[in-house]
C-alpha atoms as a PDB file:
ATOM      1  CA  UNK A   1       2.942   0.144  21.497  1.00  0.00           C
ATOM      2  CA  UNK A   2       3.585   3.330  19.903  1.00  0.00           C
ATOM      3  CA  UNK A   3       1.559   4.716  17.036  1.00  0.00           C
ATOM      4  CA  UNK A   4       2.843   4.512  13.597  1.00  0.00           C
ATOM      5  CA  UNK A   5       0.019   5.610  10.478  1.00  0.00           C
ATOM      6  CA  UNK A   6      -1.145   3.203   7.993  1.00  0.00           C
ATOM      7  CA  UNK A   7       1.362   4.022   5.415  1.00  0.00           C
ATOM      8  CA  UNK A   8       4.099   3.432   7.678  1.00  0.00           C
ATOM      9  CA  UNK A   9       2.769  -0.054   8.776  1.00  0.00           C
ATOM     10  CA  UNK A  10       2.156  -0.854   4.923  1.00  0.00           C
ATOM     11  CA  UNK A  11       6.250   0.022   4.554  1.00  0.00           C
ATOM     12  CA  UNK A  12       7.360  -2.225   7.128  1.00  0.00           C
ATOM     13  CA  UNK A  13       4.976  -5.174   6.012  1.00  0.00           C
ATOM     14  CA  UNK A  14       6.629  -5.186   2.466  1.00  0.00           C
ATOM     15  CA  UNK A  15      10.180  -4.709   4.108  1.00  0.00           C
ATOM     16  CA  UNK A  16       9.668  -7.926   5.745  1.00  0.00           C
ATOM     17  CA  UNK A  17       7.850  -9.979   3.360  1.00  0.00           C
ATOM     18  CA  UNK A  18      10.859  -9.333   0.893  1.00  0.00           C
ATOM     19  CA  UNK A  19      13.403  -9.932   3.614  1.00  0.00           C
ATOM     20  CA  UNK A  20      11.121 -12.899   4.683  1.00  0.00           C
ATOM     21  CA  UNK A  21      11.229 -14.322   1.046  1.00  0.00           C
ATOM     22  CA  UNK A  22      14.846 -13.469   0.529  1.00  0.00           C
ATOM     23  CA  UNK A  23      15.745 -15.739   3.781  1.00  0.00           C
ATOM     24  CA  UNK A  24      13.460 -18.595   2.387  1.00  0.00           C
ATOM     25  CA  UNK A  25      15.051 -18.743  -0.905  1.00  0.00           C
ATOM     26  CA  UNK A  26      18.490 -18.473   1.010  1.00  0.00           C
ATOM     27  CA  UNK A  27      17.859 -20.787   3.808  1.00  0.00           C
ATOM     28  CA  UNK A  28      14.855 -22.749   3.196  1.00  0.00           C
ATOM     29  CA  UNK A  29      11.138 -22.259   4.126  1.00  0.00           C
ATOM     30  CA  UNK A  30      11.665 -24.535   7.886  1.00  0.00           C
ATOM     31  CA  UNK A  31      14.696 -22.502   8.601  1.00  0.00           C
ATOM     32  CA  UNK A  32      14.586 -21.015  12.268  1.00  0.00           C
ATOM     33  CA  UNK A  33      15.224 -17.359  10.374  1.00  0.00           C
ATOM     34  CA  UNK A  34      12.422 -17.832   7.992  1.00  0.00           C
ATOM     35  CA  UNK A  35       9.988 -18.854  10.438  1.00  0.00           C
ATOM     36  CA  UNK A  36      10.809 -16.004  12.803  1.00  0.00           C
ATOM     37  CA  UNK A  37      10.277 -13.428  10.132  1.00  0.00           C
ATOM     38  CA  UNK A  38       6.849 -15.045   9.152  1.00  0.00           C
ATOM     39  CA  UNK A  39       5.716 -14.743  12.996  1.00  0.00           C
ATOM     40  CA  UNK A  40       6.694 -11.359  12.792  1.00  0.00           C
ATOM     41  CA  UNK A  41       4.772 -10.720   9.766  1.00  0.00           C
ATOM     42  CA  UNK A  42       1.954 -12.661  11.046  1.00  0.00           C
ATOM     43  CA  UNK A  43       2.167  -9.779  13.959  1.00  0.00           C
ATOM     44  CA  UNK A  44       1.954  -6.673  11.809  1.00  0.00           C
ATOM     45  CA  UNK A  45      -0.659  -8.188   9.223  1.00  0.00           C
ATOM     46  CA  UNK A  46      -2.984  -8.308  12.730  1.00  0.00           C
ATOM     47  CA  UNK A  47      -1.540  -4.819  13.397  1.00  0.00           C
ATOM     48  CA  UNK A  48      -2.623  -3.534   9.944  1.00  0.00           C
ATOM     49  CA  UNK A  49      -6.129  -5.495  10.060  1.00  0.00           C
ATOM     50  CA  UNK A  50      -7.075  -4.067  13.656  1.00  0.00           C
ATOM     51  CA  UNK A  51      -6.312  -0.732  12.700  1.00  0.00           C
ATOM     52  CA  UNK A  52      -7.811  -0.350   9.044  1.00  0.00           C
ATOM     53  CA  UNK A  53     -11.704  -0.473  10.541  1.00  0.00           C
ATOM     54  CA  UNK A  54     -10.605   2.680  12.266  1.00  0.00           C
ATOM     55  CA  UNK A  55     -10.254   4.422   9.305  1.00  0.00           C
ATOM     56  CA  UNK A  56     -13.658   4.412   7.080  1.00  0.00           C
ATOM     57  CA  UNK A  57     -11.888   6.452   4.639  1.00  0.00           C
ATOM     58  CA  UNK A  58      -8.352   7.966   4.649  1.00  0.00           C
ATOM     59  CA  UNK A  59      -6.437   9.919   2.123  1.00  0.00           C
ATOM     60  CA  UNK A  60      -2.718   9.442   2.815  1.00  0.00           C
ATOM     61  CA  UNK A  61      -0.218  10.561   0.373  1.00  0.00           C
ATOM     62  CA  UNK A  62      -2.798  11.228  -2.488  1.00  0.00           C
ATOM     63  CA  UNK A  63      -4.451   8.044  -2.367  1.00  0.00           C
ATOM     64  CA  UNK A  64      -7.590   7.284  -1.099  1.00  0.00           C
ATOM     65  CA  UNK A  65      -8.668   4.161   0.761  1.00  0.00           C
ATOM     66  CA  UNK A  66     -12.288   3.081   1.300  1.00  0.00           C
ATOM     67  CA  UNK A  67     -13.543   0.317   3.479  1.00  0.00           C
ATOM     68  CA  UNK A  68     -16.139  -1.883   2.688  1.00  0.00           C
ATOM     69  CA  UNK A  69     -18.111  -3.482   5.170  1.00  0.00           C
ATOM     70  CA  UNK A  70     -18.985  -7.065   4.731  1.00  0.00           C
ATOM     71  CA  UNK A  71     -22.860  -8.313   5.095  1.00  0.00           C
END
């Protein structure tokens, strides 16, 4: 797997989410294309969640991200 920035991953997630919603509206939620996109989105979200804890505070494109720990 290659490294991507958190911002790039966020962009990919949002793009795939929009595509999946469009596919679901066009073909239905149980269509194989919608399910495939949903599974791809799940993987991207898992990757995103795994990488967020590695960045306690990040400044990207002028926005600060601060992570809060659950007790």
